[in-house]
Amino acid sequence: MSIVKFQFVRPDGSIVDVETESGVSVLQVAQEQGLDIEGACEGNMACSTCHVIVDKEHFKALDAACMDEEEMLDLAVGLKPTSRLGCQITVNAKLEGAMLEIPKTSRNMLGL
């Protein structure tokens, strides 16, 4: 497996540099880094609490979101054209150098 380097941008604007192996989800990496990203459904695409905003360049390189992901994103706070669910982005070479913004708030529709 290859190592991929990218960055998370916290809601306060601070940047967290990440190096991780490919094959894991962005949600998993964020949680391992101790970032404030909930993932209430534990990555089962049943909520929008792992919403991240991908920089435009890298968003174009990602595989398109499926219909189920698009429906969950409709529940996200602060939705942007480059929004994705972190549980649905698998880290690979396409994310090298990406900036993933963590929104200031999230909406937990599961009530957890």
Foldseek 3Di string as FASTA:
>chain_A
DDWAWEWEQEQVRDIDIDIDDFFAFQLVRCVVVVHPQCCPVVLPLPAQSQKKAKPPQLLVVFDDDDPSQVVRLVQWPPDDPRIGRRSPDTDDHSRHHIYIYRHPDTDGPVPD
